Amino acid sequence: MKNPITIETKVQADIDKVWKYWTEPKHIEKWNNASDDWHTVSVENDVKEEGEFKYRMEAKDGTMGFDFGGTYSAVKKNDLLEYALHDGRKVKIEFLKDADRVKIVETFEPESENSVEMQKQGWQAILANFKKYVED
C-alpha cells in the first residue's frame, strides 16, 4: 500500500452483528455517510473474493453525488475484507474480536484530490456512524 492511512474504532457488539451490519445493503444504507447532509441511496454488495460492490452516495439537497465501489480480493467472514477501489487504491478492514466488542481497523490508500487529514476525518466519521448505528 502506498502512504496508507489507518483509522479504527471499537464497537460494543458481537462479531456476527458487526459483520452483518457492515456487509448487508439494508444496513450499509443507514450508516454509510460522513455527515448528516449526505446519504447512501443504493447499495450493491457481493461479499466474496472477486465480488463487486457499489454504493451511490449523494448530497441530500441533490447538488452532488458519486459512486463508490470496487472488487474484493480477500473475504474472511467475521475477520477480514480487502478490496481494490475502481481507481486502483487498496483498502484493508480487520475485525478483531475482543471479549464483548469488536475493534475495526481500516487501512486505505489516499487519493490525491483531497488532503490526507480531510480523507482521514471523512473515513473516521463514517466509521463513527457505523459504531453509533450498531450500538443504538
N, C-alpha and C. Protein backbone atom coordinates (compact mmCIF):
# COMPACT_ATOMS: atom_id res chain seq x y z
N MET A 1 0.84 -1.19 0.00
CA MET A 1 0.00 0.00 0.00
C MET A 1 0.87 1.24 0.00
N LYS A 2 0.45 2.24 -0.77
CA LYS A 2 1.18 3.49 -0.83
C LYS A 2 0.62 4.49 0.18
N ASN A 3 1.50 5.01 1.05
CA ASN A 3 1.12 6.02 2.04
C ASN A 3 -0.19 5.71 2.76
N PRO A 4 -0.30 4.52 3.36
CA PRO A 4 -1.58 4.12 3.96
C PRO A 4 -2.00 5.01 5.13
N ILE A 5 -3.31 5.17 5.24
CA ILE A 5 -3.95 5.86 6.36
C ILE A 5 -4.70 4.79 7.15
N THR A 6 -4.57 4.81 8.46
CA THR A 6 -5.28 3.83 9.29
C THR A 6 -6.19 4.55 10.27
N ILE A 7 -7.41 4.05 10.36
CA ILE A 7 -8.39 4.55 11.32
C ILE A 7 -8.94 3.34 12.07
N GLU A 8 -9.55 3.59 13.21
CA GLU A 8 -10.12 2.46 13.95
C GLU A 8 -11.20 2.93 14.92
N THR A 9 -11.98 1.94 15.36
CA THR A 9 -12.98 2.17 16.39
C THR A 9 -13.24 0.84 17.09
N LYS A 10 -13.87 0.92 18.25
CA LYS A 10 -14.29 -0.28 18.97
C LYS A 10 -15.81 -0.24 19.09
N VAL A 11 -16.44 -1.33 18.68
CA VAL A 11 -17.90 -1.41 18.67
C VAL A 11 -18.36 -2.40 19.73
N GLN A 12 -19.28 -1.94 20.57
CA GLN A 12 -19.81 -2.78 21.64
C GLN A 12 -20.92 -3.67 21.06
N ALA A 13 -20.52 -4.81 20.48
CA ALA A 13 -21.47 -5.76 19.88
C ALA A 13 -20.70 -7.04 19.56
N ASP A 14 -21.44 -8.11 19.31
CA ASP A 14 -20.76 -9.35 18.94
C ASP A 14 -20.37 -9.32 17.46
N ILE A 15 -19.41 -10.14 17.11
CA ILE A 15 -18.83 -10.12 15.78
C ILE A 15 -19.86 -10.43 14.69
N ASP A 16 -20.80 -11.31 14.95
CA ASP A 16 -21.80 -11.65 13.92
C ASP A 16 -22.65 -10.44 13.56
N LYS A 17 -23.05 -9.66 14.57
CA LYS A 17 -23.83 -8.45 14.31
C LYS A 17 -22.99 -7.42 13.56
N VAL A 18 -21.75 -7.23 13.98
CA VAL A 18 -20.87 -6.26 13.32
C VAL A 18 -20.70 -6.63 11.84
N TRP A 19 -20.42 -7.90 11.56
CA TRP A 19 -20.23 -8.33 10.16
C TRP A 19 -21.50 -8.12 9.34
N LYS A 20 -22.62 -8.52 9.92
CA LYS A 20 -23.91 -8.38 9.22
C LYS A 20 -24.18 -6.90 8.89
N TYR A 21 -24.01 -6.01 9.85
CA TYR A 21 -24.30 -4.60 9.64
C TYR A 21 -23.30 -3.96 8.68
N TRP A 22 -22.07 -4.50 8.64
CA TRP A 22 -21.05 -3.95 7.73
C TRP A 22 -21.29 -4.37 6.29
N THR A 23 -21.89 -5.56 6.09
CA THR A 23 -21.94 -6.14 4.74
C THR A 23 -23.32 -6.15 4.08
N GLU A 24 -24.40 -6.07 4.82
CA GLU A 24 -25.74 -6.14 4.23
C GLU A 24 -26.20 -4.77 3.74
N PRO A 25 -26.63 -4.70 2.46
CA PRO A 25 -27.05 -3.41 1.88
C PRO A 25 -28.05 -2.63 2.70
N LYS A 26 -29.07 -3.30 3.28
CA LYS A 26 -30.10 -2.56 4.04
C LYS A 26 -29.50 -1.85 5.25
N HIS A 27 -28.40 -2.37 5.78
CA HIS A 27 -27.73 -1.71 6.90
C HIS A 27 -26.73 -0.66 6.41
N ILE A 28 -25.98 -0.98 5.36
CA ILE A 28 -24.99 -0.03 4.83
C ILE A 28 -25.65 1.31 4.51
N GLU A 29 -26.86 1.26 3.92
CA GLU A 29 -27.58 2.49 3.57
C GLU A 29 -27.85 3.38 4.79
N LYS A 30 -27.90 2.78 5.98
CA LYS A 30 -28.24 3.53 7.20
C LYS A 30 -27.04 4.25 7.82
N TRP A 31 -25.83 3.73 7.62
CA TRP A 31 -24.68 4.31 8.31
C TRP A 31 -23.60 4.89 7.40
N ASN A 32 -23.64 4.61 6.12
CA ASN A 32 -22.53 4.97 5.23
C ASN A 32 -22.61 6.43 4.75
N ASN A 33 -22.26 7.34 5.63
CA ASN A 33 -22.15 8.76 5.27
C ASN A 33 -21.22 9.44 6.27
N ALA A 34 -20.51 10.45 5.78
CA ALA A 34 -19.55 11.15 6.63
C ALA A 34 -20.18 12.33 7.38
N SER A 35 -21.33 12.81 6.89
CA SER A 35 -22.03 13.91 7.56
C SER A 35 -23.53 13.78 7.31
N ASP A 36 -24.30 14.49 8.12
CA ASP A 36 -25.76 14.36 8.05
C ASP A 36 -26.37 14.90 6.76
N ASP A 37 -25.60 15.69 6.00
CA ASP A 37 -26.15 16.23 4.75
C ASP A 37 -25.89 15.33 3.55
N TRP A 38 -25.34 14.14 3.79
CA TRP A 38 -25.13 13.13 2.75
C TRP A 38 -25.83 11.85 3.14
N HIS A 39 -26.14 11.02 2.14
CA HIS A 39 -26.70 9.70 2.41
C HIS A 39 -26.33 8.74 1.28
N THR A 40 -26.47 7.46 1.58
CA THR A 40 -26.22 6.42 0.59
C THR A 40 -27.58 5.97 0.08
N VAL A 41 -27.82 6.17 -1.22
CA VAL A 41 -29.16 5.93 -1.77
C VAL A 41 -29.33 4.53 -2.37
N SER A 42 -28.22 3.86 -2.69
CA SER A 42 -28.33 2.48 -3.16
C SER A 42 -27.03 1.74 -2.88
N VAL A 43 -27.16 0.43 -2.65
CA VAL A 43 -26.01 -0.41 -2.33
C VAL A 43 -26.15 -1.74 -3.04
N GLU A 44 -25.10 -2.14 -3.73
CA GLU A 44 -24.96 -3.50 -4.24
C GLU A 44 -23.70 -4.03 -3.58
N ASN A 45 -23.75 -5.25 -3.01
CA ASN A 45 -22.59 -5.77 -2.30
C ASN A 45 -22.53 -7.29 -2.41
N ASP A 46 -21.64 -7.79 -3.23
CA ASP A 46 -21.42 -9.22 -3.44
C ASP A 46 -20.17 -9.60 -2.66
N VAL A 47 -20.36 -9.98 -1.39
CA VAL A 47 -19.25 -10.17 -0.45
C VAL A 47 -18.61 -11.55 -0.65
N LYS A 48 -17.70 -11.61 -1.62
CA LYS A 48 -16.90 -12.81 -1.88
C LYS A 48 -15.68 -12.38 -2.67
N GLU A 49 -14.65 -13.21 -2.68
CA GLU A 49 -13.47 -12.86 -3.47
C GLU A 49 -13.85 -12.72 -4.93
N GLU A 50 -13.41 -11.64 -5.54
CA GLU A 50 -13.75 -11.24 -6.91
C GLU A 50 -15.18 -10.67 -7.02
N GLY A 51 -15.91 -10.61 -5.90
CA GLY A 51 -17.23 -9.98 -5.88
C GLY A 51 -17.07 -8.48 -5.91
N GLU A 52 -18.08 -7.80 -6.44
CA GLU A 52 -18.01 -6.34 -6.54
C GLU A 52 -19.02 -5.67 -5.61
N PHE A 53 -18.71 -4.43 -5.27
CA PHE A 53 -19.66 -3.63 -4.50
C PHE A 53 -19.75 -2.26 -5.15
N LYS A 54 -20.91 -1.62 -4.95
CA LYS A 54 -21.12 -0.28 -5.48
C LYS A 54 -22.12 0.43 -4.58
N TYR A 55 -21.69 1.58 -4.06
CA TYR A 55 -22.54 2.43 -3.24
C TYR A 55 -22.76 3.73 -4.02
N ARG A 56 -23.98 4.19 -4.06
CA ARG A 56 -24.28 5.50 -4.64
C ARG A 56 -24.50 6.46 -3.48
N MET A 57 -23.62 7.47 -3.38
CA MET A 57 -23.68 8.45 -2.31
C MET A 57 -24.07 9.79 -2.89
N GLU A 58 -25.00 10.47 -2.23
CA GLU A 58 -25.49 11.75 -2.74
C GLU A 58 -25.71 12.74 -1.61
N ALA A 59 -25.53 14.01 -1.94
CA ALA A 59 -25.89 15.08 -1.01
C ALA A 59 -27.42 15.07 -0.90
N LYS A 60 -27.93 15.27 0.29
CA LYS A 60 -29.38 15.24 0.50
C LYS A 60 -30.09 16.36 -0.26
N ASP A 61 -29.38 17.44 -0.56
CA ASP A 61 -30.01 18.54 -1.31
C ASP A 61 -29.97 18.29 -2.82
N GLY A 62 -29.39 17.17 -3.24
CA GLY A 62 -29.39 16.80 -4.65
C GLY A 62 -28.35 17.48 -5.51
N THR A 63 -27.43 18.24 -4.91
CA THR A 63 -26.47 19.00 -5.71
C THR A 63 -25.26 18.19 -6.18
N MET A 64 -24.95 17.09 -5.49
CA MET A 64 -23.77 16.29 -5.84
C MET A 64 -24.03 14.84 -5.53
N GLY A 65 -23.23 13.99 -6.17
CA GLY A 65 -23.28 12.57 -5.87
C GLY A 65 -22.13 11.86 -6.55
N PHE A 66 -21.83 10.66 -6.08
CA PHE A 66 -20.77 9.87 -6.70
C PHE A 66 -20.97 8.40 -6.37
N ASP A 67 -20.35 7.56 -7.18
CA ASP A 67 -20.35 6.12 -6.94
C ASP A 67 -19.05 5.75 -6.25
N PHE A 68 -19.15 4.89 -5.27
CA PHE A 68 -18.00 4.37 -4.54
C PHE A 68 -18.05 2.87 -4.69
N GLY A 69 -17.04 2.28 -5.30
CA GLY A 69 -17.10 0.84 -5.50
C GLY A 69 -15.76 0.23 -5.77
N GLY A 70 -15.77 -1.10 -5.82
CA GLY A 70 -14.55 -1.83 -6.08
C GLY A 70 -14.80 -3.32 -6.14
N THR A 71 -13.70 -4.07 -6.05
CA THR A 71 -13.73 -5.52 -6.15
C THR A 71 -12.97 -6.13 -4.98
N TYR A 72 -13.62 -7.08 -4.30
CA TYR A 72 -12.99 -7.75 -3.17
C TYR A 72 -11.86 -8.67 -3.64
N SER A 73 -10.74 -8.61 -2.93
CA SER A 73 -9.62 -9.52 -3.20
C SER A 73 -9.47 -10.57 -2.10
N ALA A 74 -9.99 -10.27 -0.91
CA ALA A 74 -9.97 -11.23 0.20
C ALA A 74 -11.21 -11.02 1.06
N VAL A 75 -11.87 -12.12 1.39
CA VAL A 75 -13.04 -12.09 2.27
C VAL A 75 -12.92 -13.25 3.24
N LYS A 76 -12.80 -12.93 4.53
CA LYS A 76 -12.79 -13.94 5.58
C LYS A 76 -13.87 -13.53 6.57
N LYS A 77 -15.00 -14.20 6.53
CA LYS A 77 -16.15 -13.81 7.34
C LYS A 77 -15.76 -13.57 8.80
N ASN A 78 -16.27 -12.47 9.33
CA ASN A 78 -16.06 -12.06 10.72
C ASN A 78 -14.59 -11.74 11.03
N ASP A 79 -13.76 -11.54 10.01
CA ASP A 79 -12.34 -11.38 10.25
C ASP A 79 -11.68 -10.31 9.37
N LEU A 80 -11.90 -10.37 8.03
CA LEU A 80 -11.12 -9.54 7.14
C LEU A 80 -11.85 -9.27 5.82
N LEU A 81 -11.72 -8.04 5.34
CA LEU A 81 -12.12 -7.66 3.98
C LEU A 81 -10.97 -6.89 3.36
N GLU A 82 -10.62 -7.24 2.13
CA GLU A 82 -9.66 -6.46 1.37
C GLU A 82 -10.25 -6.24 0.00
N TYR A 83 -10.04 -5.02 -0.53
CA TYR A 83 -10.56 -4.73 -1.86
C TYR A 83 -9.74 -3.66 -2.54
N ALA A 84 -9.93 -3.60 -3.85
CA ALA A 84 -9.35 -2.53 -4.65
C ALA A 84 -10.51 -1.66 -5.13
N LEU A 85 -10.39 -0.36 -4.91
CA LEU A 85 -11.40 0.56 -5.43
C LEU A 85 -11.27 0.64 -6.94
N HIS A 86 -12.28 1.18 -7.60
CA HIS A 86 -12.26 1.30 -9.06
C HIS A 86 -11.08 2.11 -9.58
N ASP A 87 -10.55 3.01 -8.74
CA ASP A 87 -9.38 3.79 -9.16
C ASP A 87 -8.05 3.11 -8.83
N GLY A 88 -8.12 1.87 -8.31
CA GLY A 88 -6.92 1.08 -8.05
C GLY A 88 -6.40 1.15 -6.62
N ARG A 89 -6.91 2.09 -5.81
CA ARG A 89 -6.44 2.18 -4.43
C ARG A 89 -6.88 0.94 -3.63
N LYS A 90 -6.04 0.52 -2.70
CA LYS A 90 -6.31 -0.66 -1.90
C LYS A 90 -6.86 -0.27 -0.53
N VAL A 91 -7.74 -1.16 0.00
CA VAL A 91 -8.33 -0.98 1.32
C VAL A 91 -8.31 -2.32 2.04
N LYS A 92 -7.98 -2.28 3.33
CA LYS A 92 -7.98 -3.48 4.17
C LYS A 92 -8.77 -3.16 5.44
N ILE A 93 -9.70 -4.04 5.80
CA ILE A 93 -10.50 -3.85 7.00
C ILE A 93 -10.39 -5.11 7.85
N GLU A 94 -9.91 -4.93 9.08
CA GLU A 94 -9.78 -6.05 10.01
C GLU A 94 -10.83 -5.92 11.10
N PHE A 95 -11.43 -7.06 11.45
CA PHE A 95 -12.43 -7.13 12.51
C PHE A 95 -11.81 -7.99 13.62
N LEU A 96 -11.40 -7.35 14.71
CA LEU A 96 -10.67 -8.04 15.77
C LEU A 96 -11.58 -8.23 16.98
N LYS A 97 -11.91 -9.48 17.30
CA LYS A 97 -12.78 -9.78 18.42
C LYS A 97 -12.05 -9.54 19.74
N ASP A 98 -12.73 -8.89 20.68
CA ASP A 98 -12.15 -8.58 21.98
C ASP A 98 -13.26 -8.65 23.02
N ALA A 99 -13.42 -9.82 23.62
CA ALA A 99 -14.48 -10.07 24.62
C ALA A 99 -15.85 -9.73 24.03
N ASP A 100 -16.51 -8.68 24.56
CA ASP A 100 -17.87 -8.35 24.12
C ASP A 100 -17.88 -7.19 23.13
N ARG A 101 -16.75 -6.95 22.48
CA ARG A 101 -16.71 -5.87 21.49
C ARG A 101 -15.80 -6.29 20.32
N VAL A 102 -15.85 -5.46 19.28
CA VAL A 102 -15.05 -5.72 18.09
C VAL A 102 -14.29 -4.44 17.75
N LYS A 103 -12.99 -4.60 17.57
CA LYS A 103 -12.15 -3.50 17.13
C LYS A 103 -12.07 -3.59 15.60
N ILE A 104 -12.44 -2.49 14.94
CA ILE A 104 -12.37 -2.42 13.48
C ILE A 104 -11.19 -1.53 13.13
N VAL A 105 -10.27 -2.08 12.34
CA VAL A 105 -9.09 -1.34 11.90
C VAL A 105 -9.16 -1.27 10.37
N GLU A 106 -9.26 -0.05 9.87
CA GLU A 106 -9.42 0.17 8.43
C GLU A 106 -8.19 0.92 7.91
N THR A 107 -7.53 0.34 6.91
CA THR A 107 -6.35 0.94 6.32
C THR A 107 -6.62 1.16 4.84
N PHE A 108 -6.35 2.37 4.36
CA PHE A 108 -6.65 2.67 2.96
C PHE A 108 -5.59 3.57 2.35
N GLU A 109 -5.45 3.47 1.04
CA GLU A 109 -4.56 4.35 0.31
C GLU A 109 -5.31 5.64 -0.01
N PRO A 110 -4.71 6.78 0.27
CA PRO A 110 -5.39 8.05 -0.01
C PRO A 110 -5.44 8.37 -1.50
N GLU A 111 -6.41 9.17 -1.87
CA GLU A 111 -6.45 9.70 -3.25
C GLU A 111 -5.70 11.02 -3.25
N SER A 112 -5.52 11.62 -4.41
CA SER A 112 -4.67 12.80 -4.49
C SER A 112 -5.43 14.13 -4.56
N GLU A 113 -6.76 14.11 -4.60
CA GLU A 113 -7.53 15.35 -4.73
C GLU A 113 -7.71 16.10 -3.42
N ASN A 114 -7.84 15.36 -2.33
CA ASN A 114 -8.11 15.97 -1.03
C ASN A 114 -6.94 15.72 -0.08
N SER A 115 -6.81 16.56 0.94
CA SER A 115 -5.71 16.41 1.89
C SER A 115 -5.85 15.09 2.65
N VAL A 116 -4.71 14.58 3.10
CA VAL A 116 -4.71 13.35 3.89
C VAL A 116 -5.57 13.52 5.13
N GLU A 117 -5.46 14.66 5.79
CA GLU A 117 -6.23 14.90 7.02
C GLU A 117 -7.74 14.90 6.72
N MET A 118 -8.14 15.52 5.63
CA MET A 118 -9.57 15.54 5.26
C MET A 118 -10.07 14.12 4.98
N GLN A 119 -9.28 13.33 4.28
CA GLN A 119 -9.68 11.95 3.99
C GLN A 119 -9.78 11.13 5.27
N LYS A 120 -8.80 11.30 6.14
CA LYS A 120 -8.81 10.57 7.41
C LYS A 120 -10.05 10.94 8.23
N GLN A 121 -10.36 12.22 8.29
CA GLN A 121 -11.54 12.67 9.03
C GLN A 121 -12.82 12.13 8.42
N GLY A 122 -12.92 12.13 7.09
CA GLY A 122 -14.12 11.63 6.42
C GLY A 122 -14.34 10.15 6.66
N TRP A 123 -13.29 9.37 6.48
CA TRP A 123 -13.42 7.92 6.70
C TRP A 123 -13.68 7.62 8.18
N GLN A 124 -13.06 8.38 9.08
CA GLN A 124 -13.29 8.18 10.51
C GLN A 124 -14.73 8.54 10.88
N ALA A 125 -15.28 9.57 10.26
CA ALA A 125 -16.68 9.96 10.52
C ALA A 125 -17.63 8.84 10.08
N ILE A 126 -17.35 8.21 8.96
CA ILE A 126 -18.18 7.09 8.50
C ILE A 126 -18.07 5.94 9.50
N LEU A 127 -16.88 5.67 9.97
CA LEU A 127 -16.68 4.61 10.96
C LEU A 127 -17.42 4.93 12.26
N ALA A 128 -17.43 6.19 12.66
CA ALA A 128 -18.17 6.61 13.86
C ALA A 128 -19.68 6.41 13.66
N ASN A 129 -20.17 6.70 12.45
CA ASN A 129 -21.59 6.46 12.16
C ASN A 129 -21.91 4.98 12.24
N PHE A 130 -21.00 4.14 11.75
CA PHE A 130 -21.21 2.69 11.83
C PHE A 130 -21.31 2.26 13.30
N LYS A 131 -20.39 2.71 14.14
CA LYS A 131 -20.39 2.37 15.57
C LYS A 131 -21.73 2.79 16.21
N LYS A 132 -22.15 4.01 15.95
CA LYS A 132 -23.41 4.52 16.52
C LYS A 132 -24.60 3.69 16.04
N TYR A 133 -24.64 3.35 14.76
CA TYR A 133 -25.74 2.56 14.21
C TYR A 133 -25.80 1.17 14.84
N VAL A 134 -24.67 0.52 14.99
CA VAL A 134 -24.64 -0.83 15.57
C VAL A 134 -25.03 -0.80 17.04
N GLU A 135 -24.56 0.19 17.77
CA GLU A 135 -24.77 0.23 19.21
C GLU A 135 -26.13 0.77 19.62
N ASP A 136 -26.83 1.46 18.74
CA ASP A 136 -28.17 2.01 19.07
C ASP A 136 -29.22 0.91 19.16
